[in-house]
């Protein structure tokens, strides 16, 4: 999956555990309800991707482009969530990640 282009694809409900998608393109992709536990998404383009209820535990999103992505009800490790919140600027993405939310919920 390294450097692959999945633009406009649908991975709804897919099982992508331990997949390596370094520098892969996922703009506008539907990743809702996917299991992406321990997935490598370094420098991947997730702009405008839909990650509703996606499990991203122990995944690596270092340097990923997430502007416009929807992380509503996604499960992320707390350190990963904090790292993503540091460099995301689009309000809708910040809200879906829960950036700046003082209350912790089941998803961190």
N, C-alpha and C. Protein backbone atom coordinates (compact mmCIF):
# COMPACT_ATOMS: atom_id res chain seq x y z
N UNK A 1 0.81 -1.19 0.00
CA UNK A 1 0.00 0.00 0.00
C UNK A 1 0.86 1.27 0.00
N UNK A 2 2.14 1.13 0.09
CA UNK A 2 3.03 2.29 0.13
C UNK A 2 2.87 3.13 -1.13
N UNK A 3 2.69 4.43 -0.92
CA UNK A 3 2.59 5.41 -2.00
C UNK A 3 1.51 5.09 -3.02
N UNK A 4 0.48 4.35 -2.62
CA UNK A 4 -0.64 4.02 -3.51
C UNK A 4 -1.67 5.14 -3.51
N UNK A 5 -2.50 5.19 -4.55
CA UNK A 5 -3.54 6.21 -4.65
C UNK A 5 -4.90 5.55 -4.54
N UNK A 6 -5.60 5.85 -3.43
CA UNK A 6 -6.93 5.29 -3.18
C UNK A 6 -8.00 6.36 -3.27
N UNK A 7 -7.75 7.44 -3.98
CA UNK A 7 -8.68 8.56 -4.08
C UNK A 7 -10.09 8.10 -4.39
N UNK A 8 -11.05 8.56 -3.58
CA UNK A 8 -12.46 8.27 -3.83
C UNK A 8 -12.89 6.84 -3.55
N UNK A 9 -12.03 6.02 -2.98
CA UNK A 9 -12.37 4.62 -2.69
C UNK A 9 -13.22 4.51 -1.43
N UNK A 10 -13.80 3.34 -1.25
CA UNK A 10 -14.58 3.05 -0.05
C UNK A 10 -13.99 1.82 0.63
N UNK A 11 -13.57 2.01 1.88
CA UNK A 11 -13.03 0.92 2.68
C UNK A 11 -13.96 0.63 3.85
N UNK A 12 -15.20 1.04 3.76
CA UNK A 12 -16.16 0.92 4.85
C UNK A 12 -16.16 -0.49 5.43
N UNK A 13 -15.83 -0.59 6.74
CA UNK A 13 -15.84 -1.88 7.42
C UNK A 13 -14.64 -2.77 7.14
N UNK A 14 -13.63 -2.25 6.48
CA UNK A 14 -12.46 -3.07 6.10
C UNK A 14 -11.58 -3.37 7.31
N UNK A 15 -10.80 -4.40 7.19
CA UNK A 15 -9.85 -4.83 8.20
C UNK A 15 -8.45 -4.55 7.67
N UNK A 16 -7.80 -3.49 8.20
CA UNK A 16 -6.50 -3.06 7.70
C UNK A 16 -5.44 -3.10 8.80
N UNK A 17 -5.58 -4.04 9.71
CA UNK A 17 -4.65 -4.14 10.83
C UNK A 17 -3.23 -4.37 10.34
N UNK A 18 -2.29 -3.58 10.88
CA UNK A 18 -0.86 -3.65 10.59
C UNK A 18 -0.49 -3.32 9.14
N UNK A 19 -1.40 -2.73 8.40
CA UNK A 19 -1.09 -2.34 7.02
C UNK A 19 -0.10 -1.18 7.01
N UNK A 20 0.74 -1.15 6.00
CA UNK A 20 1.70 -0.07 5.84
C UNK A 20 1.28 0.76 4.63
N UNK A 21 0.84 1.99 4.91
CA UNK A 21 0.37 2.88 3.84
C UNK A 21 1.18 4.18 3.87
N UNK A 22 2.48 4.05 3.92
CA UNK A 22 3.38 5.19 3.94
C UNK A 22 3.19 6.03 2.68
N UNK A 23 2.95 7.32 2.86
CA UNK A 23 2.75 8.29 1.78
C UNK A 23 1.61 7.89 0.81
N UNK A 24 0.67 7.11 1.29
CA UNK A 24 -0.47 6.73 0.44
C UNK A 24 -1.47 7.88 0.38
N UNK A 25 -2.25 7.93 -0.69
CA UNK A 25 -3.25 8.96 -0.89
C UNK A 25 -4.64 8.40 -0.62
N UNK A 26 -5.32 9.01 0.38
CA UNK A 26 -6.68 8.62 0.75
C UNK A 26 -7.63 9.82 0.74
N UNK A 27 -7.47 10.81 -0.16
CA UNK A 27 -8.34 11.98 -0.09
C UNK A 27 -9.80 11.62 -0.40
N UNK A 28 -10.69 12.03 0.51
CA UNK A 28 -12.12 11.77 0.32
C UNK A 28 -12.52 10.32 0.49
N UNK A 29 -11.64 9.49 0.97
CA UNK A 29 -11.92 8.05 1.11
C UNK A 29 -12.82 7.80 2.33
N UNK A 30 -13.74 6.84 2.20
CA UNK A 30 -14.60 6.44 3.31
C UNK A 30 -13.95 5.28 4.05
N UNK A 31 -13.41 5.57 5.23
CA UNK A 31 -12.79 4.56 6.09
C UNK A 31 -13.66 4.30 7.32
N UNK A 32 -14.94 4.58 7.23
CA UNK A 32 -15.85 4.40 8.36
C UNK A 32 -15.87 2.94 8.81
N UNK A 33 -15.90 2.77 10.13
CA UNK A 33 -16.04 1.45 10.74
C UNK A 33 -14.91 0.49 10.37
N UNK A 34 -13.73 1.00 10.05
CA UNK A 34 -12.61 0.12 9.72
C UNK A 34 -11.76 -0.15 10.95
N UNK A 35 -11.10 -1.28 10.96
CA UNK A 35 -10.15 -1.63 12.00
C UNK A 35 -8.76 -1.39 11.42
N UNK A 36 -8.13 -0.31 11.86
CA UNK A 36 -6.81 0.06 11.36
C UNK A 36 -5.79 0.02 12.50
N UNK A 37 -5.98 -0.89 13.42
CA UNK A 37 -5.09 -1.03 14.57
C UNK A 37 -3.65 -1.27 14.09
N UNK A 38 -2.72 -0.48 14.64
CA UNK A 38 -1.29 -0.58 14.33
C UNK A 38 -0.97 -0.33 12.85
N UNK A 39 -1.77 0.47 12.19
CA UNK A 39 -1.54 0.79 10.79
C UNK A 39 -0.52 1.93 10.68
N UNK A 40 0.35 1.86 9.71
CA UNK A 40 1.34 2.91 9.46
C UNK A 40 0.80 3.84 8.38
N UNK A 41 0.53 5.09 8.78
CA UNK A 41 -0.01 6.09 7.87
C UNK A 41 0.89 7.33 7.83
N UNK A 42 2.19 7.13 8.02
CA UNK A 42 3.13 8.25 8.00
C UNK A 42 3.05 8.98 6.68
N UNK A 43 2.89 10.30 6.76
CA UNK A 43 2.86 11.19 5.60
C UNK A 43 1.76 10.83 4.61
N UNK A 44 0.74 10.10 5.06
CA UNK A 44 -0.39 9.76 4.18
C UNK A 44 -1.30 10.98 4.02
N UNK A 45 -1.97 11.07 2.90
CA UNK A 45 -2.92 12.15 2.65
C UNK A 45 -4.32 11.65 2.99
N UNK A 46 -4.84 12.10 4.14
CA UNK A 46 -6.18 11.74 4.58
C UNK A 46 -7.12 12.95 4.50
N UNK A 47 -6.80 13.91 3.66
CA UNK A 47 -7.63 15.11 3.55
C UNK A 47 -9.05 14.74 3.13
N UNK A 48 -10.01 15.28 3.86
CA UNK A 48 -11.44 15.06 3.62
C UNK A 48 -11.86 13.59 3.71
N UNK A 49 -11.05 12.75 4.33
CA UNK A 49 -11.42 11.35 4.52
C UNK A 49 -12.46 11.23 5.63
N UNK A 50 -13.27 10.20 5.57
CA UNK A 50 -14.30 9.95 6.57
C UNK A 50 -13.83 8.76 7.41
N UNK A 51 -13.56 9.04 8.69
CA UNK A 51 -13.04 8.01 9.59
C UNK A 51 -14.01 7.80 10.77
N UNK A 52 -15.29 7.82 10.49
CA UNK A 52 -16.30 7.64 11.54
C UNK A 52 -16.16 6.26 12.17
N UNK A 53 -16.06 6.23 13.49
CA UNK A 53 -15.98 4.99 14.28
C UNK A 53 -14.80 4.10 13.89
N UNK A 54 -13.78 4.67 13.28
CA UNK A 54 -12.59 3.91 12.89
C UNK A 54 -11.72 3.66 14.11
N UNK A 55 -11.19 2.45 14.23
CA UNK A 55 -10.28 2.10 15.33
C UNK A 55 -8.86 2.32 14.85
N UNK A 56 -8.19 3.32 15.44
CA UNK A 56 -6.84 3.70 15.04
C UNK A 56 -5.84 3.47 16.18
N UNK A 57 -6.12 2.55 17.08
CA UNK A 57 -5.25 2.32 18.22
C UNK A 57 -3.87 1.85 17.77
N UNK A 58 -2.86 2.44 18.41
CA UNK A 58 -1.46 2.13 18.15
C UNK A 58 -1.06 2.34 16.69
N UNK A 59 -1.83 3.14 15.96
CA UNK A 59 -1.49 3.49 14.58
C UNK A 59 -0.56 4.68 14.57
N UNK A 60 0.21 4.84 13.51
CA UNK A 60 1.17 5.93 13.39
C UNK A 60 0.74 6.85 12.26
N UNK A 61 0.32 8.07 12.63
CA UNK A 61 -0.12 9.06 11.65
C UNK A 61 0.86 10.23 11.58
N UNK A 62 2.10 10.00 11.90
CA UNK A 62 3.11 11.05 11.89
C UNK A 62 3.23 11.70 10.52
N UNK A 63 3.05 13.02 10.49
CA UNK A 63 3.18 13.77 9.24
C UNK A 63 2.01 13.61 8.28
N UNK A 64 0.94 12.94 8.72
CA UNK A 64 -0.22 12.74 7.84
C UNK A 64 -0.95 14.06 7.61
N UNK A 65 -1.53 14.21 6.43
CA UNK A 65 -2.34 15.38 6.09
C UNK A 65 -3.78 15.03 6.45
N UNK A 66 -4.35 15.73 7.44
CA UNK A 66 -5.69 15.37 7.92
C UNK A 66 -6.70 16.51 7.81
N UNK A 67 -6.36 17.56 7.08
CA UNK A 67 -7.28 18.69 6.94
C UNK A 67 -8.61 18.24 6.33
N UNK A 68 -9.69 18.56 7.01
CA UNK A 68 -11.03 18.23 6.51
C UNK A 68 -11.46 16.81 6.83
N UNK A 69 -10.59 16.01 7.43
CA UNK A 69 -10.95 14.63 7.78
C UNK A 69 -11.93 14.63 8.95
N UNK A 70 -12.84 13.65 8.95
CA UNK A 70 -13.84 13.53 10.01
C UNK A 70 -13.50 12.32 10.88
N UNK A 71 -13.07 12.59 12.12
CA UNK A 71 -12.71 11.55 13.07
C UNK A 71 -13.80 11.32 14.11
N UNK A 72 -15.04 11.66 13.81
CA UNK A 72 -16.13 11.52 14.79
C UNK A 72 -16.23 10.08 15.28
N UNK A 73 -16.22 9.94 16.61
CA UNK A 73 -16.34 8.64 17.30
C UNK A 73 -15.23 7.65 16.94
N UNK A 74 -14.12 8.15 16.37
CA UNK A 74 -12.97 7.28 16.09
C UNK A 74 -12.25 6.99 17.41
N UNK A 75 -11.61 5.83 17.48
CA UNK A 75 -10.87 5.44 18.67
C UNK A 75 -9.39 5.62 18.38
N UNK A 76 -8.77 6.58 19.10
CA UNK A 76 -7.35 6.87 18.95
C UNK A 76 -6.69 6.80 20.32
N UNK A 77 -5.41 6.47 20.35
CA UNK A 77 -4.66 6.56 21.58
C UNK A 77 -4.55 8.03 21.95
N UNK A 78 -4.58 8.33 23.24
CA UNK A 78 -4.53 9.71 23.69
C UNK A 78 -3.29 10.46 23.19
N UNK A 79 -2.08 9.88 23.24
CA UNK A 79 -0.91 10.60 22.70
C UNK A 79 -1.04 10.90 21.20
N UNK A 80 -1.64 9.98 20.44
CA UNK A 80 -1.83 10.20 19.00
C UNK A 80 -2.82 11.33 18.77
N UNK A 81 -3.90 11.35 19.55
CA UNK A 81 -4.89 12.42 19.43
C UNK A 81 -4.24 13.76 19.72
N UNK A 82 -3.46 13.84 20.78
CA UNK A 82 -2.80 15.11 21.13
C UNK A 82 -1.84 15.54 20.02
N UNK A 83 -1.12 14.59 19.44
CA UNK A 83 -0.18 14.92 18.35
C UNK A 83 -0.93 15.46 17.14
N UNK A 84 -2.06 14.86 16.79
CA UNK A 84 -2.85 15.33 15.65
C UNK A 84 -3.43 16.71 15.93
N UNK A 85 -3.87 16.94 17.15
CA UNK A 85 -4.46 18.24 17.50
C UNK A 85 -3.45 19.38 17.42
N UNK A 86 -2.17 19.07 17.56
CA UNK A 86 -1.14 20.11 17.52
C UNK A 86 -1.02 20.78 16.16
N UNK A 87 -1.27 20.03 15.08
CA UNK A 87 -1.04 20.64 13.78
C UNK A 87 -2.26 20.72 12.87
N UNK A 88 -3.42 20.32 13.34
CA UNK A 88 -4.62 20.45 12.52
C UNK A 88 -5.21 21.85 12.71
N UNK A 89 -5.66 22.47 11.63
CA UNK A 89 -6.18 23.83 11.72
C UNK A 89 -7.66 23.94 11.38
N UNK A 90 -8.19 23.08 10.56
CA UNK A 90 -9.58 23.18 10.15
C UNK A 90 -10.50 22.87 11.34
N UNK A 91 -11.45 23.74 11.59
CA UNK A 91 -12.31 23.63 12.77
C UNK A 91 -13.06 22.31 12.79
N UNK A 92 -13.63 21.88 11.68
CA UNK A 92 -14.42 20.65 11.66
C UNK A 92 -13.58 19.44 12.06
N UNK A 93 -12.33 19.40 11.62
CA UNK A 93 -11.45 18.29 11.98
C UNK A 93 -11.09 18.38 13.46
N UNK A 94 -10.80 19.58 13.95
CA UNK A 94 -10.48 19.75 15.38
C UNK A 94 -11.64 19.31 16.25
N UNK A 95 -12.86 19.64 15.87
CA UNK A 95 -14.04 19.26 16.64
C UNK A 95 -14.22 17.74 16.62
N UNK A 96 -14.08 17.12 15.46
CA UNK A 96 -14.29 15.67 15.37
C UNK A 96 -13.22 14.90 16.15
N UNK A 97 -12.02 15.48 16.30
CA UNK A 97 -10.97 14.86 17.11
C UNK A 97 -11.15 15.14 18.60
N UNK A 98 -11.95 16.15 18.92
CA UNK A 98 -12.13 16.53 20.31
C UNK A 98 -10.98 17.38 20.84
N UNK A 99 -10.29 18.09 19.96
CA UNK A 99 -9.17 18.94 20.37
C UNK A 99 -9.66 20.05 21.29
N UNK A 100 -8.92 20.27 22.36
CA UNK A 100 -9.27 21.32 23.30
C UNK A 100 -10.39 20.95 24.25
N UNK A 101 -10.92 19.74 24.12
CA UNK A 101 -11.97 19.28 25.00
C UNK A 101 -11.35 18.88 26.33
N UNK A 102 -11.70 19.58 27.38
CA UNK A 102 -11.14 19.30 28.71
C UNK A 102 -11.68 18.00 29.30
N UNK A 103 -12.88 17.64 28.90
CA UNK A 103 -13.47 16.39 29.40
C UNK A 103 -12.98 15.22 28.58
N UNK A 104 -12.56 14.18 29.27
CA UNK A 104 -12.13 12.95 28.57
C UNK A 104 -13.34 12.05 28.41
N UNK A 105 -13.41 11.40 27.29
CA UNK A 105 -14.49 10.43 27.09
C UNK A 105 -13.86 9.05 26.87
N UNK A 106 -14.63 8.10 26.46
CA UNK A 106 -14.12 6.73 26.27
C UNK A 106 -13.03 6.67 25.19
N UNK A 107 -12.96 7.68 24.33
CA UNK A 107 -12.01 7.67 23.24
C UNK A 107 -10.79 8.53 23.52
N UNK A 108 -10.64 9.02 24.74
CA UNK A 108 -9.50 9.86 25.10
C UNK A 108 -9.87 11.29 24.99
